[in-house]
Amino acid sequence: MNPKLKFQPVSHSWVALHPQPKGVIQFIGGAFFGTFAPMFFYRYLLQYLFNNGYTIILLPFNFTFNHYVEAGFLIKEQYEITPELVRMAKLANYDYQVYLKDTNFSWVGHSIGCKYIALLEGFTALPQDHKELEQFIRNLVLETSKTSDPAKNERKIQRIFTDIEILIHELRQEQNKANKLSSYYVGEEKYIFSNLFIKGQTSVLLAPVNSGTDSAIPKFLAKIIDKLGWGVNPSPDETYALIKATNLFNLLGLVQFKSDKIAQKTADWFVNIFYKPPVDFQNTLAGGHLKPLGFKVGNYVINFPDSLPIIESTQRRSSQFEFYVGKLLQALDQKR
């Protein structure tokens, strides 16, 4: 009999603790659905992953144009939550060993949630030296800048540089705190995190969207906001440039959907321009952009209208979607 999927609040997130976990999935959903009740909207997918032996962490995100800061918030959550997983598992008499190694943690994102995962992967390769980091960001901004105003570019460079330096400083403190707390809970010294960001952690992107300002507000208004420098940061072009500059993403799986027009541009970029992931770690499945959403009623799953049929058997739904997600996670784990 499968254990019951039950979420409880931890820090700013929700956790479903598996009694005998083989790994941890940190899930970031799409806009609206990933912020408001993701445990309801993504219920069937989450249940499937939980039944396959994963502890699930649902990471919410705020509506903001500063995606750098929001990605930083999400990685801070990993440091905040990990010691709690150890403590909670010990109290429940569950297996906790899997939480003592950061490479047992994976990321699964849907839609814009994938952009945050991509940023965290990109941050993994950022130079730690002060001058090298500033030069890296300068190259990134100037390569993608749409303005010839040097002062405007410089302000942007310094703003990003300052945000990332602060984030790195905070993460070092959070990492030290998480290691100490986890060591205290298990009664021996443990160093869980080998990297400040997510190096060595697998990720699966479901219908990824590298969104810009025009995905959140009307296009005519987005152009004005972007011109004033108040738009989404990093822009889609800057995000692509960051991904290419780091040349990581070697533990990546990608799932796209045949009738999904929203994610098509981003998915095509990964496959046809970045040439990652390899063919064996890609799948194009039936359905639309909202295919990952759905919840179970009896022996049936209720899908969202862009992924017909709206009502289908659990067996058919699992065989046409969840099975491939589970297979990707397993293949990526073996590759690692």
C-alpha atoms as a PDB file:
ATOM      1  CA  MET A   1       0.000   0.000   0.000  1.00  0.00           C
ATOM      2  CA  ASN A   2       1.364   3.408  -1.000  1.00  0.00           C
ATOM      3  CA  PRO A   3       2.016   5.984   1.757  1.00  0.00           C
ATOM      4  CA  LYS A   4      -0.377   8.924   1.837  1.00  0.00           C
ATOM      5  CA  LEU A   5       0.585  12.158   0.098  1.00  0.00           C
ATOM      6  CA  LYS A   6       0.213  14.797   2.790  1.00  0.00           C
ATOM      7  CA  PHE A   7       1.725  18.273   2.574  1.00  0.00           C
ATOM      8  CA  GLN A   8       2.758  20.304   5.585  1.00  0.00           C
ATOM      9  CA  PRO A   9       4.182  23.853   5.687  1.00  0.00           C
ATOM     10  CA  VAL A  10       7.939  24.204   6.118  1.00  0.00           C
ATOM     11  CA  SER A  11       9.507  27.667   5.870  1.00  0.00           C
ATOM     12  CA  HIS A  12       7.684  29.301   2.904  1.00  0.00           C
ATOM     13  CA  SER A  13       7.071  25.979   1.136  1.00  0.00           C
ATOM     14  CA  TRP A  14       5.086  22.759   1.407  1.00  0.00           C
ATOM     15  CA  VAL A  15       6.634  19.338   2.046  1.00  0.00           C
ATOM     16  CA  ALA A  16       5.294  15.797   1.617  1.00  0.00           C
ATOM     17  CA  LEU A  17       7.678  13.512   3.498  1.00  0.00           C
ATOM     18  CA  HIS A  18       8.136  10.007   2.112  1.00  0.00           C
ATOM     19  CA  PRO A  19       8.820   7.275   4.722  1.00  0.00           C
ATOM     20  CA  GLN A  20      11.545   5.642   2.600  1.00  0.00           C
ATOM     21  CA  PRO A  21      12.672   8.251   0.064  1.00  0.00           C
ATOM     22  CA  LYS A  22      15.025   7.481  -2.779  1.00  0.00           C
ATOM     23  CA  GLY A  23      15.377  11.174  -3.515  1.00  0.00           C
ATOM     24  CA  VAL A  24      13.869  14.638  -3.148  1.00  0.00           C
ATOM     25  CA  ILE A  25      11.995  16.540  -5.857  1.00  0.00           C
ATOM     26  CA  GLN A  26      11.808  20.314  -5.574  1.00  0.00           C
ATOM     27  CA  PHE A  27       8.869  21.362  -7.731  1.00  0.00           C
ATOM     28  CA  ILE A  28       8.247  24.842  -9.151  1.00  0.00           C
ATOM     29  CA  GLY A  29       4.997  25.260 -11.059  1.00  0.00           C
ATOM     30  CA  GLY A  30       3.814  27.798 -13.594  1.00  0.00           C
ATOM     31  CA  ALA A  31       2.399  31.268 -13.060  1.00  0.00           C
ATOM     32  CA  PHE A  32      -0.743  31.292 -10.888  1.00  0.00           C
ATOM     33  CA  PHE A  33      -0.959  27.478 -10.689  1.00  0.00           C
ATOM     34  CA  GLY A  34       2.475  27.221  -9.062  1.00  0.00           C
ATOM     35  CA  THR A  35       1.782  30.045  -6.619  1.00  0.00           C
ATOM     36  CA  PHE A  36      -1.786  29.298  -5.568  1.00  0.00           C
ATOM     37  CA  ALA A  37      -2.448  25.739  -4.357  1.00  0.00           C
ATOM     38  CA  PRO A  38       0.053  23.805  -6.519  1.00  0.00           C
ATOM     39  CA  MET A  39      -0.730  20.722  -4.408  1.00  0.00           C
ATOM     40  CA  PHE A  40      -4.226  20.849  -5.926  1.00  0.00           C
ATOM     41  CA  PHE A  41      -3.529  21.863  -9.533  1.00  0.00           C
ATOM     42  CA  TYR A  42      -0.602  19.429  -9.981  1.00  0.00           C
ATOM     43  CA  ARG A  43      -2.048  16.776  -7.706  1.00  0.00           C
ATOM     44  CA  TYR A  44      -1.910  13.763 -10.000  1.00  0.00           C
ATOM     45  CA  LEU A  45       1.694  14.373 -11.127  1.00  0.00           C
ATOM     46  CA  LEU A  46       2.821  14.952  -7.544  1.00  0.00           C
ATOM     47  CA  GLN A  47       1.025  11.814  -6.351  1.00  0.00           C
ATOM     48  CA  TYR A  48       2.717   9.771  -9.067  1.00  0.00           C
ATOM     49  CA  LEU A  49       6.180  11.049  -8.102  1.00  0.00           C
ATOM     50  CA  PHE A  50       5.487  10.523  -4.409  1.00  0.00           C
ATOM     51  CA  ASN A  51       4.309   6.950  -5.077  1.00  0.00           C
ATOM     52  CA  ASN A  52       7.582   6.395  -6.928  1.00  0.00           C
ATOM     53  CA  GLY A  53       9.558   7.104  -3.777  1.00  0.00           C
ATOM     54  CA  TYR A  54      10.266  10.823  -3.712  1.00  0.00           C
ATOM     55  CA  THR A  55       9.845  13.340  -0.936  1.00  0.00           C
ATOM     56  CA  ILE A  56       8.180  16.368  -2.567  1.00  0.00           C
ATOM     57  CA  ILE A  57       8.921  20.026  -1.857  1.00  0.00           C
ATOM     58  CA  LEU A  58       6.565  22.569  -3.421  1.00  0.00           C
ATOM     59  CA  LEU A  59       8.387  25.865  -3.842  1.00  0.00           C
ATOM     60  CA  PRO A  60       6.151  28.919  -4.351  1.00  0.00           C
ATOM     61  CA  PHE A  61       7.311  32.125  -6.006  1.00  0.00           C
ATOM     62  CA  ASN A  62       6.137  35.698  -5.962  1.00  0.00           C
ATOM     63  CA  PHE A  63       4.966  37.727  -8.933  1.00  0.00           C
ATOM     64  CA  THR A  64       7.954  39.952  -9.611  1.00  0.00           C
ATOM     65  CA  PHE A  65       9.938  41.258 -12.561  1.00  0.00           C
ATOM     66  CA  ASN A  66      13.241  40.608 -10.765  1.00  0.00           C
ATOM     67  CA  HIS A  67      13.772  36.925 -11.511  1.00  0.00           C
ATOM     68  CA  TYR A  68      17.345  37.084 -10.200  1.00  0.00           C
ATOM     69  CA  VAL A  69      16.058  37.856  -6.714  1.00  0.00           C
ATOM     70  CA  GLU A  70      13.281  35.288  -6.907  1.00  0.00           C
ATOM     71  CA  ALA A  71      15.698  32.549  -7.985  1.00  0.00           C
ATOM     72  CA  GLY A  72      17.817  33.508  -4.973  1.00  0.00           C
ATOM     73  CA  PHE A  73      14.804  33.103  -2.711  1.00  0.00           C
ATOM     74  CA  LEU A  74      14.214  29.589  -4.071  1.00  0.00           C
ATOM     75  CA  ILE A  75      17.773  28.386  -3.424  1.00  0.00           C
ATOM     76  CA  LYS A  76      17.625  29.862   0.088  1.00  0.00           C
ATOM     77  CA  GLU A  77      14.559  27.698   0.649  1.00  0.00           C
ATOM     78  CA  GLN A  78      16.647  24.593  -0.071  1.00  0.00           C
ATOM     79  CA  TYR A  79      19.050  25.540   2.712  1.00  0.00           C
ATOM     80  CA  GLU A  80      16.208  26.398   5.061  1.00  0.00           C
ATOM     81  CA  ILE A  81      14.214  23.226   4.421  1.00  0.00           C
ATOM     82  CA  THR A  82      16.924  20.538   4.291  1.00  0.00           C
ATOM     83  CA  PRO A  83      17.707  20.420   8.044  1.00  0.00           C
ATOM     84  CA  GLU A  84      13.964  20.336   8.704  1.00  0.00           C
ATOM     85  CA  LEU A  85      13.637  17.267   6.478  1.00  0.00           C
ATOM     86  CA  VAL A  86      16.235  15.521   8.649  1.00  0.00           C
ATOM     87  CA  ARG A  87      14.524  16.584  11.879  1.00  0.00           C
ATOM     88  CA  MET A  88      11.014  15.684  10.708  1.00  0.00           C
ATOM     89  CA  ALA A  89      12.113  12.314   9.346  1.00  0.00           C
ATOM     90  CA  LYS A  90      13.833  11.397  12.610  1.00  0.00           C
ATOM     91  CA  LEU A  91      10.770  12.378  14.641  1.00  0.00           C
ATOM     92  CA  ALA A  92       8.521  10.274  12.375  1.00  0.00           C
ATOM     93  CA  ASN A  93      10.982   7.370  12.441  1.00  0.00           C
ATOM     94  CA  TYR A  94      11.443   7.687   8.675  1.00  0.00           C
ATOM     95  CA  ASP A  95      14.653   7.127   6.707  1.00  0.00           C
ATOM     96  CA  TYR A  96      16.609  10.405   6.643  1.00  0.00           C
ATOM     97  CA  GLN A  97      19.924   9.380   5.038  1.00  0.00           C
ATOM     98  CA  VAL A  98      18.920  10.635   1.584  1.00  0.00           C
ATOM     99  CA  TYR A  99      18.685  14.211   2.913  1.00  0.00           C
ATOM    100  CA  LEU A 100      22.350  14.249   3.921  1.00  0.00           C
ATOM    101  CA  LYS A 101      23.685  14.571   0.363  1.00  0.00           C
ATOM    102  CA  ASP A 102      22.756  17.452  -1.940  1.00  0.00           C
ATOM    103  CA  THR A 103      23.025  15.365  -5.123  1.00  0.00           C
ATOM    104  CA  ASN A 104      19.974  13.388  -3.971  1.00  0.00           C
ATOM    105  CA  PHE A 105      17.913  16.530  -4.630  1.00  0.00           C
ATOM    106  CA  SER A 106      16.309  17.080  -8.051  1.00  0.00           C
ATOM    107  CA  TRP A 107      14.328  19.900  -9.630  1.00  0.00           C
ATOM    108  CA  VAL A 108      11.149  19.638 -11.685  1.00  0.00           C
ATOM    109  CA  GLY A 109       9.654  22.795 -13.176  1.00  0.00           C
ATOM    110  CA  HIS A 110       6.686  23.693 -15.337  1.00  0.00           C
ATOM    111  CA  SER A 111       6.353  26.754 -17.582  1.00  0.00           C
ATOM    112  CA  ILE A 112       7.985  29.829 -15.988  1.00  0.00           C
ATOM    113  CA  GLY A 113       9.109  27.654 -13.071  1.00  0.00           C
ATOM    114  CA  CYS A 114      11.689  26.228 -15.487  1.00  0.00           C
ATOM    115  CA  LYS A 115      13.262  29.673 -15.913  1.00  0.00           C
ATOM    116  CA  TYR A 116      14.069  29.841 -12.206  1.00  0.00           C
ATOM    117  CA  ILE A 117      15.684  26.395 -12.364  1.00  0.00           C
ATOM    118  CA  ALA A 118      17.710  27.467 -15.417  1.00  0.00           C
ATOM    119  CA  LEU A 119      18.916  30.571 -13.566  1.00  0.00           C
ATOM    120  CA  LEU A 120      20.025  28.491 -10.576  1.00  0.00           C
ATOM    121  CA  GLU A 121      21.912  26.156 -12.895  1.00  0.00           C
ATOM    122  CA  GLY A 122      23.529  29.159 -14.573  1.00  0.00           C
ATOM    123  CA  PHE A 123      24.492  30.672 -11.195  1.00  0.00           C
ATOM    124  CA  THR A 124      26.388  27.447 -10.460  1.00  0.00           C
ATOM    125  CA  ALA A 125      29.149  28.489 -12.864  1.00  0.00           C
ATOM    126  CA  LEU A 126      29.446  32.129 -11.773  1.00  0.00           C
ATOM    127  CA  PRO A 127      33.032  33.163 -10.924  1.00  0.00           C
ATOM    128  CA  GLN A 128      33.643  33.505  -7.195  1.00  0.00           C
ATOM    129  CA  ASP A 129      36.335  36.169  -7.624  1.00  0.00           C
ATOM    130  CA  HIS A 130      34.996  39.727  -7.240  1.00  0.00           C
ATOM    131  CA  LYS A 131      36.546  41.150 -10.434  1.00  0.00           C
ATOM    132  CA  GLU A 132      35.850  38.063 -12.532  1.00  0.00           C
ATOM    133  CA  LEU A 133      32.205  38.065 -11.462  1.00  0.00           C
ATOM    134  CA  GLU A 134      31.789  41.731 -12.381  1.00  0.00           C
ATOM    135  CA  GLN A 135      33.390  41.118 -15.788  1.00  0.00           C
ATOM    136  CA  PHE A 136      31.171  38.086 -16.393  1.00  0.00           C
ATOM    137  CA  ILE A 137      28.039  40.152 -15.720  1.00  0.00           C
ATOM    138  CA  ARG A 138      29.383  43.058 -17.819  1.00  0.00           C
ATOM    139  CA  ASN A 139      29.896  40.761 -20.795  1.00  0.00           C
ATOM    140  CA  LEU A 140      26.420  39.277 -20.333  1.00  0.00           C
ATOM    141  CA  VAL A 141      24.665  42.660 -20.213  1.00  0.00           C
ATOM    142  CA  LEU A 142      26.612  44.276 -23.051  1.00  0.00           C
ATOM    143  CA  GLU A 143      26.176  41.233 -25.300  1.00  0.00           C
ATOM    144  CA  THR A 144      22.391  41.435 -25.038  1.00  0.00           C
ATOM    145  CA  SER A 145      21.828  45.170 -24.462  1.00  0.00           C
ATOM    146  CA  LYS A 146      19.267  46.912 -26.638  1.00  0.00           C
ATOM    147  CA  THR A 147      20.412  50.413 -25.652  1.00  0.00           C
ATOM    148  CA  SER A 148      23.482  52.399 -26.674  1.00  0.00           C
ATOM    149  CA  ASP A 149      23.396  54.467 -23.473  1.00  0.00           C
ATOM    150  CA  PRO A 150      26.610  53.557 -21.557  1.00  0.00           C
ATOM    151  CA  ALA A 151      25.322  55.010 -18.276  1.00  0.00           C
ATOM    152  CA  LYS A 152      22.139  52.944 -18.450  1.00  0.00           C
ATOM    153  CA  ASN A 153      24.101  49.761 -19.153  1.00  0.00           C
ATOM    154  CA  GLU A 154      26.502  50.504 -16.302  1.00  0.00           C
ATOM    155  CA  ARG A 155      23.657  51.011 -13.829  1.00  0.00           C
ATOM    156  CA  LYS A 156      22.192  47.667 -14.841  1.00  0.00           C
ATOM    157  CA  ILE A 157      25.561  45.916 -14.551  1.00  0.00           C
ATOM    158  CA  GLN A 158      26.165  47.277 -11.070  1.00  0.00           C
ATOM    159  CA  ARG A 159      22.626  46.456  -9.916  1.00  0.00           C
ATOM    160  CA  ILE A 160      22.899  42.813 -11.037  1.00  0.00           C
ATOM    161  CA  PHE A 161      26.448  42.523  -9.699  1.00  0.00           C
ATOM    162  CA  THR A 162      25.396  43.847  -6.285  1.00  0.00           C
ATOM    163  CA  ASP A 163      22.346  41.554  -6.106  1.00  0.00           C
ATOM    164  CA  ILE A 164      24.401  38.455  -6.940  1.00  0.00           C
ATOM    165  CA  GLU A 165      27.256  39.333  -4.562  1.00  0.00           C
ATOM    166  CA  ILE A 166      24.749  39.781  -1.737  1.00  0.00           C
ATOM    167  CA  LEU A 167      23.086  36.499  -2.658  1.00  0.00           C
ATOM    168  CA  ILE A 168      26.402  34.601  -2.651  1.00  0.00           C
ATOM    169  CA  HIS A 169      27.304  36.069   0.757  1.00  0.00           C
ATOM    170  CA  GLU A 170      23.898  35.118   2.189  1.00  0.00           C
ATOM    171  CA  LEU A 171      24.069  31.607   0.742  1.00  0.00           C
ATOM    172  CA  ARG A 172      27.440  30.947   2.346  1.00  0.00           C
ATOM    173  CA  GLN A 173      25.904  31.806   5.708  1.00  0.00           C
ATOM    174  CA  GLU A 174      22.811  29.698   4.996  1.00  0.00           C
ATOM    175  CA  GLN A 175      24.967  26.767   3.867  1.00  0.00           C
ATOM    176  CA  ASN A 176      26.992  26.858   7.075  1.00  0.00           C
ATOM    177  CA  LYS A 177      23.827  27.090   9.167  1.00  0.00           C
ATOM    178  CA  ALA A 178      22.161  24.181   7.318  1.00  0.00           C
ATOM    179  CA  ASN A 179      25.199  21.936   7.729  1.00  0.00           C
ATOM    180  CA  LYS A 180      25.446  22.704  11.442  1.00  0.00           C
ATOM    181  CA  LEU A 181      21.747  22.114  12.066  1.00  0.00           C
ATOM    182  CA  SER A 182      21.709  18.833  10.148  1.00  0.00           C
ATOM    183  CA  SER A 183      24.818  17.663  12.030  1.00  0.00           C
ATOM    184  CA  TYR A 184      23.117  18.495  15.305  1.00  0.00           C
ATOM    185  CA  TYR A 185      20.004  16.504  14.374  1.00  0.00           C
ATOM    186  CA  VAL A 186      21.932  13.371  13.363  1.00  0.00           C
ATOM    187  CA  GLY A 187      24.521  13.597  16.128  1.00  0.00           C
ATOM    188  CA  GLU A 188      27.601  13.722  13.892  1.00  0.00           C
ATOM    189  CA  GLU A 189      29.312  16.246  11.631  1.00  0.00           C
ATOM    190  CA  LYS A 190      27.835  16.374   8.134  1.00  0.00           C
ATOM    191  CA  TYR A 191      28.629  18.497   5.072  1.00  0.00           C
ATOM    192  CA  ILE A 192      25.548  18.165   2.906  1.00  0.00           C
ATOM    193  CA  PHE A 193      26.153  20.896   0.360  1.00  0.00           C
ATOM    194  CA  SER A 194      29.150  20.705  -1.950  1.00  0.00           C
ATOM    195  CA  ASN A 195      28.105  23.718  -4.064  1.00  0.00           C
ATOM    196  CA  LEU A 196      26.371  27.003  -3.309  1.00  0.00           C
ATOM    197  CA  PHE A 197      23.835  26.466  -6.071  1.00  0.00           C
ATOM    198  CA  ILE A 198      22.600  23.273  -7.785  1.00  0.00           C
ATOM    199  CA  LYS A 199      25.645  21.672  -9.400  1.00  0.00           C
ATOM    200  CA  GLY A 200      25.246  17.883  -9.461  1.00  0.00           C
ATOM    201  CA  GLN A 201      21.466  18.084  -9.017  1.00  0.00           C
ATOM    202  CA  THR A 202      19.282  16.795 -11.849  1.00  0.00           C
ATOM    203  CA  SER A 203      16.463  18.832 -13.377  1.00  0.00           C
ATOM    204  CA  VAL A 204      13.473  18.119 -15.605  1.00  0.00           C
ATOM    205  CA  LEU A 205      11.840  20.994 -17.483  1.00  0.00           C
ATOM    206  CA  LEU A 206       8.191  20.528 -18.430  1.00  0.00           C
ATOM    207  CA  ALA A 207       7.058  22.910 -21.204  1.00  0.00           C
ATOM    208  CA  PRO A 208       9.719  25.503 -20.282  1.00  0.00           C
ATOM    209  CA  VAL A 209       9.004  29.193 -20.832  1.00  0.00           C
ATOM    210  CA  ASN A 210      11.779  31.787 -20.789  1.00  0.00           C
ATOM    211  CA  SER A 211       9.386  34.626 -20.157  1.00  0.00           C
ATOM    212  CA  GLY A 212       9.809  38.347 -20.582  1.00  0.00           C
ATOM    213  CA  THR A 213       7.781  41.377 -19.567  1.00  0.00           C
ATOM    214  CA  ASP A 214       5.273  40.848 -22.388  1.00  0.00           C
ATOM    215  CA  SER A 215       4.209  37.506 -20.903  1.00  0.00           C
ATOM    216  CA  ALA A 216       2.910  39.250 -17.790  1.00  0.00           C
ATOM    217  CA  ILE A 217       1.372  42.457 -19.139  1.00  0.00           C
ATOM    218  CA  PRO A 218       0.042  43.678 -22.536  1.00  0.00           C
ATOM    219  CA  LYS A 219       2.757  43.988 -25.211  1.00  0.00           C
ATOM    220  CA  PHE A 220       2.328  47.739 -25.809  1.00  0.00           C
ATOM    221  CA  LEU A 221       2.815  48.383 -22.071  1.00  0.00           C
ATOM    222  CA  ALA A 222       5.675  45.869 -21.843  1.00  0.00           C
ATOM    223  CA  LYS A 223       7.633  47.817 -24.491  1.00  0.00           C
ATOM    224  CA  ILE A 224       7.338  50.986 -22.427  1.00  0.00           C
ATOM    225  CA  ILE A 225       8.305  49.220 -19.190  1.00  0.00           C
ATOM    226  CA  ASP A 226      11.310  47.562 -20.840  1.00  0.00           C
ATOM    227  CA  LYS A 227      12.453  50.835 -22.378  1.00  0.00           C
ATOM    228  CA  LEU A 228      12.394  52.467 -18.943  1.00  0.00           C
ATOM    229  CA  GLY A 229      14.500  49.606 -17.579  1.00  0.00           C
ATOM    230  CA  TRP A 230      11.778  48.355 -15.254  1.00  0.00           C
ATOM    231  CA  GLY A 231      11.000  45.111 -17.079  1.00  0.00           C
ATOM    232  CA  VAL A 232      11.789  41.470 -16.408  1.00  0.00           C
ATOM    233  CA  ASN A 233      15.333  40.946 -15.225  1.00  0.00           C
ATOM    234  CA  PRO A 234      17.029  38.982 -16.697  1.00  0.00           C
ATOM    235  CA  SER A 235      15.357  39.364 -20.065  1.00  0.00           C
ATOM    236  CA  PRO A 236      14.865  36.249 -22.200  1.00  0.00           C
ATOM    237  CA  ASP A 237      17.966  37.133 -24.255  1.00  0.00           C
ATOM    238  CA  GLU A 238      20.055  37.582 -21.095  1.00  0.00           C
ATOM    239  CA  THR A 239      18.798  34.267 -19.756  1.00  0.00           C
ATOM    240  CA  TYR A 240      19.766  32.469 -22.962  1.00  0.00           C
ATOM    241  CA  ALA A 241      23.185  34.168 -22.871  1.00  0.00           C
ATOM    242  CA  LEU A 242      23.722  33.074 -19.261  1.00  0.00           C
ATOM    243  CA  ILE A 243      22.816  29.471 -20.108  1.00  0.00           C
ATOM    244  CA  LYS A 244      25.203  29.430 -23.079  1.00  0.00           C
ATOM    245  CA  ALA A 245      28.052  31.113 -21.174  1.00  0.00           C
ATOM    246  CA  THR A 246      27.977  28.559 -18.358  1.00  0.00           C
ATOM    247  CA  ASN A 247      27.772  25.552 -20.691  1.00  0.00           C
ATOM    248  CA  LEU A 248      26.398  23.332 -17.918  1.00  0.00           C
ATOM    249  CA  PHE A 249      22.974  21.641 -18.027  1.00  0.00           C
ATOM    250  CA  ASN A 250      24.484  18.172 -18.345  1.00  0.00           C
ATOM    251  CA  LEU A 251      21.907  16.595 -16.005  1.00  0.00           C
ATOM    252  CA  LEU A 252      18.868  17.991 -17.799  1.00  0.00           C
ATOM    253  CA  GLY A 253      15.672  16.393 -19.080  1.00  0.00           C
ATOM    254  CA  LEU A 254      13.138  18.179 -21.299  1.00  0.00           C
ATOM    255  CA  VAL A 255       9.481  17.427 -21.977  1.00  0.00           C
ATOM    256  CA  GLN A 256       7.461  19.411 -24.501  1.00  0.00           C
ATOM    257  CA  PHE A 257       3.923  18.950 -25.790  1.00  0.00           C
ATOM    258  CA  LYS A 258       2.694  18.675 -29.366  1.00  0.00           C
ATOM    259  CA  SER A 259      -0.051  21.330 -29.205  1.00  0.00           C
ATOM    260  CA  ASP A 260       1.815  23.714 -26.879  1.00  0.00           C
ATOM    261  CA  LYS A 261       2.527  27.041 -28.585  1.00  0.00           C
ATOM    262  CA  ILE A 262       3.477  28.867 -25.374  1.00  0.00           C
ATOM    263  CA  ALA A 263       6.647  26.867 -24.665  1.00  0.00           C
ATOM    264  CA  GLN A 264       7.577  26.086 -28.277  1.00  0.00           C
ATOM    265  CA  LYS A 265      10.113  28.921 -28.692  1.00  0.00           C
ATOM    266  CA  THR A 266      11.984  28.104 -25.483  1.00  0.00           C
ATOM    267  CA  ALA A 267      11.970  24.346 -26.077  1.00  0.00           C
ATOM    268  CA  ASP A 268      13.196  24.856 -29.651  1.00  0.00           C
ATOM    269  CA  TRP A 269      16.052  27.026 -28.366  1.00  0.00           C
ATOM    270  CA  PHE A 270      17.255  24.300 -25.991  1.00  0.00           C
ATOM    271  CA  VAL A 271      17.054  21.596 -28.652  1.00  0.00           C
ATOM    272  CA  ASN A 272      18.121  23.412 -31.846  1.00  0.00           C
ATOM    273  CA  ILE A 273      20.458  26.185 -30.625  1.00  0.00           C
ATOM    274  CA  PHE A 274      21.857  25.029 -27.270  1.00  0.00           C
ATOM    275  CA  TYR A 275      21.801  21.369 -28.385  1.00  0.00           C
ATOM    276  CA  LYS A 276      20.874  20.144 -24.924  1.00  0.00           C
ATOM    277  CA  PRO A 277      19.672  17.852 -23.552  1.00  0.00           C
ATOM    278  CA  PRO A 278      20.710  14.843 -25.713  1.00  0.00           C
ATOM    279  CA  VAL A 279      17.939  13.133 -27.681  1.00  0.00           C
ATOM    280  CA  ASP A 280      17.668  10.337 -25.113  1.00  0.00           C
ATOM    281  CA  PHE A 281      16.676  12.908 -22.486  1.00  0.00           C
ATOM    282  CA  GLN A 282      13.953  14.642 -24.542  1.00  0.00           C
ATOM    283  CA  ASN A 283      10.316  13.744 -25.031  1.00  0.00           C
ATOM    284  CA  THR A 284       7.548  15.329 -27.111  1.00  0.00           C
ATOM    285  CA  LEU A 285       4.220  14.124 -25.763  1.00  0.00           C
ATOM    286  CA  ALA A 286       0.542  14.607 -26.576  1.00  0.00           C
ATOM    287  CA  GLY A 287      -1.207  17.549 -24.961  1.00  0.00           C
ATOM    288  CA  GLY A 288      -1.027  21.296 -24.480  1.00  0.00           C
ATOM    289  CA  HIS A 289       0.862  23.648 -22.196  1.00  0.00           C
ATOM    290  CA  LEU A 290      -1.235  22.746 -19.160  1.00  0.00           C
ATOM    291  CA  LYS A 291      -0.828  18.974 -19.516  1.00  0.00           C
ATOM    292  CA  PRO A 292       1.155  18.674 -16.231  1.00  0.00           C
ATOM    293  CA  LEU A 293      -1.912  19.922 -14.348  1.00  0.00           C
ATOM    294  CA  GLY A 294      -4.631  17.477 -13.333  1.00  0.00           C
ATOM    295  CA  PHE A 295      -6.241  15.799 -10.350  1.00  0.00           C
ATOM    296  CA  LYS A 296      -7.719  12.380  -9.698  1.00  0.00           C
ATOM    297  CA  VAL A 297     -11.404  11.595  -9.150  1.00  0.00           C
ATOM    298  CA  GLY A 298     -11.923   7.892  -8.561  1.00  0.00           C
ATOM    299  CA  ASN A 299     -10.174   6.017 -11.362  1.00  0.00           C
ATOM    300  CA  TYR A 300     -10.074   9.057 -13.639  1.00  0.00           C
ATOM    301  CA  VAL A 301      -7.963  12.183 -14.038  1.00  0.00           C
ATOM    302  CA  ILE A 302      -9.486  15.588 -14.759  1.00  0.00           C
ATOM    303  CA  ASN A 303      -7.246  17.426 -17.236  1.00  0.00           C
ATOM    304  CA  PHE A 304      -7.307  21.071 -18.200  1.00  0.00           C
ATOM    305  CA  PRO A 305      -9.103  21.979 -21.472  1.00  0.00           C
ATOM    306  CA  ASP A 306      -5.971  22.399 -23.594  1.00  0.00           C
ATOM    307  CA  SER A 307      -5.123  18.704 -23.139  1.00  0.00           C
ATOM    308  CA  LEU A 308      -7.948  16.519 -24.399  1.00  0.00           C
ATOM    309  CA  PRO A 309      -9.570  14.360 -23.309  1.00  0.00           C
ATOM    310  CA  ILE A 310     -10.617  16.396 -20.287  1.00  0.00           C
ATOM    311  CA  ILE A 311     -11.466  13.160 -18.468  1.00  0.00           C
ATOM    312  CA  GLU A 312      -9.265  10.096 -18.950  1.00  0.00           C
ATOM    313  CA  SER A 313      -8.428   6.959 -17.034  1.00  0.00           C
ATOM    314  CA  THR A 314      -5.517   7.063 -14.599  1.00  0.00           C
ATOM    315  CA  GLN A 315      -3.847   4.268 -16.555  1.00  0.00           C
ATOM    316  CA  ARG A 316      -3.962   6.171 -19.841  1.00  0.00           C
ATOM    317  CA  ARG A 317      -2.882   9.474 -18.269  1.00  0.00           C
ATOM    318  CA  SER A 318       0.097   7.889 -16.488  1.00  0.00           C
ATOM    319  CA  SER A 319       1.217   5.972 -19.578  1.00  0.00           C
ATOM    320  CA  GLN A 320       1.142   9.118 -21.729  1.00  0.00           C
ATOM    321  CA  PHE A 321       2.812  11.577 -19.349  1.00  0.00           C
ATOM    322  CA  GLU A 322       3.870  10.711 -15.791  1.00  0.00           C
ATOM    323  CA  PHE A 323       5.607   7.506 -16.882  1.00  0.00           C
ATOM    324  CA  TYR A 324       8.000   9.545 -19.052  1.00  0.00           C
ATOM    325  CA  VAL A 325       8.743  12.040 -16.277  1.00  0.00           C
ATOM    326  CA  GLY A 326       9.599   9.187 -13.922  1.00  0.00           C
ATOM    327  CA  LYS A 327      11.720   7.545 -16.610  1.00  0.00           C
ATOM    328  CA  LEU A 328      13.642  10.784 -17.206  1.00  0.00           C
ATOM    329  CA  LEU A 329      14.360  11.217 -13.503  1.00  0.00           C
ATOM    330  CA  GLN A 330      15.610   7.641 -13.277  1.00  0.00           C
ATOM    331  CA  ALA A 331      17.827   8.011 -16.375  1.00  0.00           C
ATOM    332  CA  LEU A 332      19.288  11.276 -15.115  1.00  0.00           C
ATOM    333  CA  ASP A 333      20.027   9.739 -11.732  1.00  0.00           C
ATOM    334  CA  GLN A 334      21.902   6.889 -13.443  1.00  0.00           C
ATOM    335  CA  LYS A 335      23.796   9.383 -15.611  1.00  0.00           C
ATOM    336  CA  ARG A 336      24.929  11.259 -12.508  1.00  0.00           C
END
